[in-house]
C-alpha atoms as a PDB file:
ATOM      1  CA  UNK A   1      82.940  57.491  70.440  1.00  0.00           C
ATOM      2  CA  UNK A   2      85.251  60.312  71.696  1.00  0.00           C
ATOM      3  CA  UNK A   3      84.221  62.356  74.782  1.00  0.00           C
ATOM      4  CA  UNK A   4      86.429  65.484  74.129  1.00  0.00           C
ATOM      5  CA  UNK A   5      89.695  66.761  73.116  1.00  0.00           C
ATOM      6  CA  UNK A   6      92.674  68.441  74.597  1.00  0.00           C
ATOM      7  CA  UNK A   7      94.433  71.209  72.564  1.00  0.00           C
ATOM      8  CA  UNK A   8      98.143  71.126  72.817  1.00  0.00           C
ATOM      9  CA  UNK A   9      99.911  74.503  72.322  1.00  0.00           C
ATOM     10  CA  UNK A  10     103.185  74.513  70.897  1.00  0.00           C
ATOM     11  CA  UNK A  11     104.579  78.092  71.898  1.00  0.00           C
ATOM     12  CA  UNK A  12     107.521  77.538  69.626  1.00  0.00           C
ATOM     13  CA  UNK A  13     105.240  77.342  66.450  1.00  0.00           C
ATOM     14  CA  UNK A  14     102.866  79.985  67.732  1.00  0.00           C
ATOM     15  CA  UNK A  15     102.776  83.470  65.965  1.00  0.00           C
ATOM     16  CA  UNK A  16     103.685  86.375  68.026  1.00  0.00           C
ATOM     17  CA  UNK A  17     100.221  88.176  68.327  1.00  0.00           C
ATOM     18  CA  UNK A  18     100.897  90.515  71.153  1.00  0.00           C
ATOM     19  CA  UNK A  19     101.782  93.559  69.206  1.00  0.00           C
ATOM     20  CA  UNK A  20      98.446  94.200  67.658  1.00  0.00           C
ATOM     21  CA  UNK A  21      96.806  94.175  71.163  1.00  0.00           C
ATOM     22  CA  UNK A  22      94.350  97.004  72.095  1.00  0.00           C
ATOM     23  CA  UNK A  23      93.652  96.164  75.818  1.00  0.00           C
ATOM     24  CA  UNK A  24      96.431  94.522  78.029  1.00  0.00           C
ATOM     25  CA  UNK A  25      95.681  92.230  81.013  1.00  0.00           C
ATOM     26  CA  UNK A  26      97.707  92.911  84.213  1.00  0.00           C
ATOM     27  CA  UNK A  27      97.939  90.670  87.306  1.00  0.00           C
ATOM     28  CA  UNK A  28      97.784  92.231  90.780  1.00  0.00           C
ATOM     29  CA  UNK A  29     100.318  89.649  92.441  1.00  0.00           C
ATOM     30  CA  UNK A  30      98.844  90.501  95.955  1.00  0.00           C
ATOM     31  CA  UNK A  31      95.285  89.656  94.903  1.00  0.00           C
ATOM     32  CA  UNK A  32      96.278  86.527  93.022  1.00  0.00           C
ATOM     33  CA  UNK A  33      95.530  83.299  94.898  1.00  0.00           C
ATOM     34  CA  UNK A  34      97.459  81.050  92.515  1.00  0.00           C
ATOM     35  CA  UNK A  35      94.351  78.892  91.499  1.00  0.00           C
ATOM     36  CA  UNK A  36      95.189  78.964  88.049  1.00  0.00           C
ATOM     37  CA  UNK A  37      91.776  79.305  86.785  1.00  0.00           C
ATOM     38  CA  UNK A  38      92.940  81.487  84.141  1.00  0.00           C
ATOM     39  CA  UNK A  39      95.501  79.264  82.509  1.00  0.00           C
ATOM     40  CA  UNK A  40      93.103  76.877  80.571  1.00  0.00           C
ATOM     41  CA  UNK A  41      90.888  79.610  79.396  1.00  0.00           C
ATOM     42  CA  UNK A  42      93.661  81.618  77.707  1.00  0.00           C
ATOM     43  CA  UNK A  43      92.998  80.961  73.860  1.00  0.00           C
ATOM     44  CA  UNK A  44      96.677  81.836  73.096  1.00  0.00           C
ATOM     45  CA  UNK A  45      98.340  79.735  76.079  1.00  0.00           C
ATOM     46  CA  UNK A  46     100.034  83.060  77.149  1.00  0.00           C
ATOM     47  CA  UNK A  47      99.520  82.572  80.725  1.00  0.00           C
ATOM     48  CA  UNK A  48     101.646  80.221  83.065  1.00  0.00           C
ATOM     49  CA  UNK A  49     101.984  80.028  86.935  1.00  0.00           C
ATOM     50  CA  UNK A  50     105.451  81.391  88.003  1.00  0.00           C
ATOM     51  CA  UNK A  51     106.878  81.586  91.593  1.00  0.00           C
ATOM     52  CA  UNK A  52     108.552  85.144  92.080  1.00  0.00           C
ATOM     53  CA  UNK A  53     111.296  86.119  94.477  1.00  0.00           C
ATOM     54  CA  UNK A  54     110.260  85.146  97.992  1.00  0.00           C
ATOM     55  CA  UNK A  55     106.513  83.858  96.890  1.00  0.00           C
ATOM     56  CA  UNK A  56     105.444  80.650  98.611  1.00  0.00           C
ATOM     57  CA  UNK A  57     102.934  80.053  95.938  1.00  0.00           C
ATOM     58  CA  UNK A  58     103.102  80.328  92.190  1.00  0.00           C
ATOM     59  CA  UNK A  59     101.104  83.249  90.480  1.00  0.00           C
ATOM     60  CA  UNK A  60      99.606  84.030  86.993  1.00  0.00           C
ATOM     61  CA  UNK A  61     102.317  85.448  84.737  1.00  0.00           C
ATOM     62  CA  UNK A  62     101.236  86.709  81.274  1.00  0.00           C
ATOM     63  CA  UNK A  63     103.538  86.660  78.100  1.00  0.00           C
ATOM     64  CA  UNK A  64     102.743  89.741  76.558  1.00  0.00           C
ATOM     65  CA  UNK A  65     104.445  88.552  73.082  1.00  0.00           C
ATOM     66  CA  UNK A  66     101.464  86.326  72.537  1.00  0.00           C
ATOM     67  CA  UNK A  67      98.574  87.925  74.426  1.00  0.00           C
ATOM     68  CA  UNK A  68      96.048  89.189  72.369  1.00  0.00           C
ATOM     69  CA  UNK A  69      94.220  91.306  75.057  1.00  0.00           C
ATOM     70  CA  UNK A  70      90.952  89.371  74.722  1.00  0.00           C
ATOM     71  CA  UNK A  71      90.144  89.677  78.522  1.00  0.00           C
ATOM     72  CA  UNK A  72      88.965  85.997  78.999  1.00  0.00           C
ATOM     73  CA  UNK A  73      91.374  85.817  81.763  1.00  0.00           C
ATOM     74  CA  UNK A  74      90.095  88.751  83.719  1.00  0.00           C
ATOM     75  CA  UNK A  75      86.408  87.525  83.214  1.00  0.00           C
ATOM     76  CA  UNK A  76      87.214  84.028  84.872  1.00  0.00           C
ATOM     77  CA  UNK A  77      89.367  85.097  87.654  1.00  0.00           C
ATOM     78  CA  UNK A  78      87.486  84.362  90.674  1.00  0.00           C
ATOM     79  CA  UNK A  79      89.113  87.140  92.807  1.00  0.00           C
ATOM     80  CA  UNK A  80      89.282  89.657  90.114  1.00  0.00           C
ATOM     81  CA  UNK A  81      93.201  89.714  90.412  1.00  0.00           C
ATOM     82  CA  UNK A  82      93.518  90.189  86.500  1.00  0.00           C
ATOM     83  CA  UNK A  83      92.342  93.517  85.202  1.00  0.00           C
ATOM     84  CA  UNK A  84      92.347  95.071  81.738  1.00  0.00           C
ATOM     85  CA  UNK A  85      94.147  98.204  80.787  1.00  0.00           C
ATOM     86  CA  UNK A  86      94.651 100.307  77.767  1.00  0.00           C
END
């Protein structure tokens, strides 16, 4: 009996869905603690953790070509570093 499944996203095969988005998530890099809680919840696998210039810890980075603007990332962020904008 199987106990679960892992969905593997292949970004090269994914259709670009970002152009029909109504709301857009924005990451406050100062607030982001780099916990990556948002990453597994993104249904489009449009979030990855990236280290910016001079940053010690990787922060959430959103690929807007694939982000649908669903807002799940903003809901699950424990420090509310992701917020939705029109």
